[in-house]
Amino acid sequence: MKILPVLLLCLPFAAHAEWGQFDHEFEQDKPWTEVAAQLPPYPKAENLVEFNVSSATRNRHFVDTASISVGEDKVVRYSVVIEAAGGARNVSFEGMRCETRERRLYAYGHPDGTWSKARSAGWEPIKLRSLLSYHKALFEDHFCPSGINVQTAGEAVRSLRRGAR
């Protein structure tokens, strides 16, 4: 008889533990869904911040700080500008998932300030072993340091500015 009150006192704790396990399992089973990406305005020179990729490349790499966003889906979206040593310029709007180490190309920029949708816009793994990968530099140094997603666009901008030379 003395054991019954003790067991009754433990019942709420056991129920809470079971409910907590249910929440955890529910969240893990929930499939990830991407929110629709909105094209940003075309990059302006005053918003570009240069970032270092590697001494192995002569290209210059910039992110348009006005284009950076962190969605509810935890995708960091940004516009990147690459200037080749010969003068060519490439502009693209991309996304990065820190959790899965993936990137996605949404659109290409044109010299007249317009965007065109990328034809193959699926998620691809980031090549973390390549010295020439600007995705690797953005992933490791700015958007996903230590594999942890930046929480806000402001946090990403501060990281880029700290690394600017």
Protein backbone atom coordinates (compact mmCIF):
# COMPACT_ATOMS: atom_id res chain seq x y z
CA MET A 1 0.00 0.00 0.00
CA LYS A 2 2.87 2.39 0.69
CA ILE A 3 4.17 1.89 -2.84
CA LEU A 4 0.92 3.01 -4.52
CA PRO A 5 1.25 6.75 -3.60
CA VAL A 6 4.86 6.75 -4.81
CA LEU A 7 3.84 5.17 -8.10
CA LEU A 8 1.03 7.69 -8.52
CA LEU A 9 3.50 10.53 -7.97
CA CYS A 10 5.78 9.13 -10.72
CA LEU A 11 2.97 8.79 -13.28
CA PRO A 12 3.02 12.44 -14.47
CA PHE A 13 6.78 12.24 -15.07
CA ALA A 14 6.43 9.09 -17.16
CA ALA A 15 3.60 10.64 -19.18
CA HIS A 16 5.68 13.80 -19.76
CA ALA A 17 8.66 11.71 -20.92
CA GLU A 18 6.45 9.82 -23.38
CA TRP A 19 4.91 13.06 -24.71
CA GLY A 20 8.36 14.63 -25.13
CA GLN A 21 9.47 11.60 -27.12
CA PHE A 22 6.36 11.93 -29.30
CA ASP A 23 7.16 15.58 -30.11
CA HIS A 24 10.75 14.69 -30.95
CA GLU A 25 9.71 11.87 -33.28
CA PHE A 26 7.08 14.05 -34.91
CA GLU A 27 9.56 16.82 -35.71
CA GLN A 28 12.11 14.37 -37.14
CA ASP A 29 9.52 12.80 -39.45
CA LYS A 30 8.30 16.14 -40.74
CA PRO A 31 9.55 16.56 -44.32
CA TRP A 32 11.53 19.68 -45.19
CA THR A 33 9.77 22.00 -47.58
CA GLU A 34 11.38 24.91 -49.34
CA VAL A 35 9.68 28.30 -49.36
CA ALA A 36 9.33 30.03 -52.72
CA ALA A 37 12.36 32.18 -53.49
CA GLN A 38 11.76 35.75 -54.60
CA LEU A 39 14.26 37.29 -57.00
CA PRO A 40 16.05 40.26 -55.42
CA PRO A 41 16.80 43.49 -57.24
CA TYR A 42 19.87 43.26 -59.47
CA PRO A 43 23.11 43.82 -57.48
CA LYS A 44 24.38 47.39 -57.10
CA ALA A 45 28.08 48.16 -56.74
CA GLU A 46 27.59 49.91 -53.37
CA ASN A 47 26.11 46.74 -51.84
CA LEU A 48 28.88 44.36 -52.94
CA VAL A 49 31.24 42.94 -50.32
CA GLU A 50 34.24 40.97 -51.54
CA PHE A 51 35.06 37.66 -49.90
CA ASN A 52 38.15 35.50 -50.13
CA VAL A 53 37.93 32.14 -51.84
CA SER A 54 41.54 31.05 -52.24
CA SER A 55 44.89 32.31 -53.40
CA ALA A 56 44.59 29.65 -56.14
CA THR A 57 42.13 31.82 -58.11
CA ARG A 58 42.60 35.21 -59.73
CA ASN A 59 38.83 35.79 -59.85
CA ARG A 60 37.25 38.27 -57.46
CA HIS A 61 34.09 37.17 -55.61
CA PHE A 62 31.40 39.43 -54.14
CA VAL A 63 28.07 38.99 -52.38
CA ASP A 64 25.34 41.59 -52.73
CA THR A 65 24.51 42.27 -49.07
CA ALA A 66 21.10 43.71 -49.99
CA SER A 67 20.09 40.36 -51.47
CA ILE A 68 20.87 38.16 -48.45
CA SER A 69 17.93 36.52 -46.69
CA VAL A 70 17.43 33.59 -44.35
CA GLY A 71 14.09 31.92 -44.96
CA GLU A 72 11.84 30.03 -42.58
CA ASP A 73 13.16 26.94 -44.37
CA LYS A 74 16.67 27.92 -43.12
CA VAL A 75 17.94 28.49 -46.65
CA VAL A 76 20.40 31.36 -46.96
CA ARG A 77 19.68 33.12 -50.26
CA TYR A 78 22.06 35.62 -51.84
CA SER A 79 23.33 37.13 -55.09
CA VAL A 80 26.95 36.50 -55.98
CA VAL A 81 29.09 38.41 -58.47
CA ILE A 82 32.27 36.90 -59.91
CA GLU A 83 34.72 39.06 -61.81
CA ALA A 84 37.24 37.12 -63.87
CA ALA A 85 40.79 38.37 -64.29
CA GLY A 86 40.05 39.02 -67.99
CA GLY A 87 37.09 41.27 -67.18
CA ALA A 88 34.14 38.90 -67.62
CA ARG A 89 31.42 39.19 -64.99
CA ASN A 90 28.99 36.50 -63.83
CA VAL A 91 25.99 37.23 -61.63
CA SER A 92 23.74 34.63 -60.05
CA PHE A 93 21.08 34.28 -57.36
CA GLU A 94 21.61 31.20 -55.22
CA GLY A 95 20.59 29.39 -52.05
CA MET A 96 22.52 27.36 -49.48
CA ARG A 97 21.31 24.74 -46.98
CA CYS A 98 23.73 24.37 -44.09
CA GLU A 99 22.02 21.30 -42.65
CA THR A 100 22.55 19.21 -45.78
CA ARG A 101 25.64 21.01 -47.20
CA GLU A 102 23.83 21.76 -50.44
CA ARG A 103 23.47 24.71 -52.79
CA ARG A 104 20.99 25.70 -55.43
CA LEU A 105 21.12 28.06 -58.39
CA TYR A 106 17.88 30.00 -58.88
CA ALA A 107 18.73 32.52 -61.61
CA TYR A 108 21.43 34.07 -63.76
CA GLY A 109 21.90 37.82 -64.03
CA HIS A 110 22.31 39.63 -67.35
CA PRO A 111 24.28 42.83 -68.07
CA ASP A 112 21.02 44.72 -68.70
CA GLY A 113 20.00 44.13 -65.05
CA THR A 114 17.49 41.35 -65.66
CA TRP A 115 17.33 37.78 -64.36
CA SER A 116 16.67 34.51 -66.18
CA LYS A 117 15.59 31.38 -64.36
CA ALA A 118 18.17 28.59 -64.16
CA ARG A 119 17.17 25.52 -66.17
CA SER A 120 18.50 22.90 -63.79
CA ALA A 121 17.76 24.42 -60.42
CA GLY A 122 18.00 21.36 -58.18
CA TRP A 123 19.93 21.05 -54.94
CA GLU A 124 23.55 19.94 -55.35
CA PRO A 125 26.23 19.01 -52.80
CA ILE A 126 28.81 21.69 -52.00
CA LYS A 127 32.30 20.57 -52.97
CA LEU A 128 34.11 21.11 -49.68
CA ARG A 129 37.45 19.81 -50.98
CA SER A 130 37.89 22.26 -53.85
CA LEU A 131 40.13 25.28 -53.33
CA LEU A 132 38.34 27.11 -56.13
CA SER A 133 34.81 26.65 -54.78
CA TYR A 134 33.29 29.94 -53.68
CA HIS A 135 30.42 27.88 -52.26
CA LYS A 136 32.92 26.22 -49.91
CA ALA A 137 34.20 29.63 -48.78
CA LEU A 138 30.68 30.96 -48.17
CA PHE A 139 29.64 27.75 -46.41
CA GLU A 140 32.64 27.46 -44.08
CA ASP A 141 33.43 31.12 -43.43
CA HIS A 142 30.18 33.07 -43.61
CA PHE A 143 26.81 31.32 -43.93
CA CYS A 144 27.38 28.01 -42.12
CA PRO A 145 30.37 28.44 -39.79
CA SER A 146 31.01 25.16 -37.96
CA GLY A 147 28.05 23.76 -39.91
CA ILE A 148 25.60 26.04 -38.07
CA ASN A 149 23.15 28.15 -40.07
CA VAL A 150 23.31 31.93 -39.66
CA GLN A 151 20.02 33.04 -38.15
CA THR A 152 19.56 36.39 -39.88
CA ALA A 153 20.70 38.30 -42.95
CA GLY A 154 22.39 40.79 -40.62
CA GLU A 155 24.51 38.03 -39.12
CA ALA A 156 25.62 36.94 -42.61
CA VAL A 157 26.42 40.53 -43.63
CA ARG A 158 28.50 41.10 -40.48
CA SER A 159 30.46 37.93 -41.19
CA LEU A 160 31.18 39.00 -44.76
CA ARG A 161 32.24 42.48 -43.68
CA ARG A 162 34.55 41.09 -40.99
CA GLY A 163 36.24 38.96 -43.63
CA ALA A 164 36.46 41.80 -46.19
CA ARG A 165 39.96 43.10 -46.90
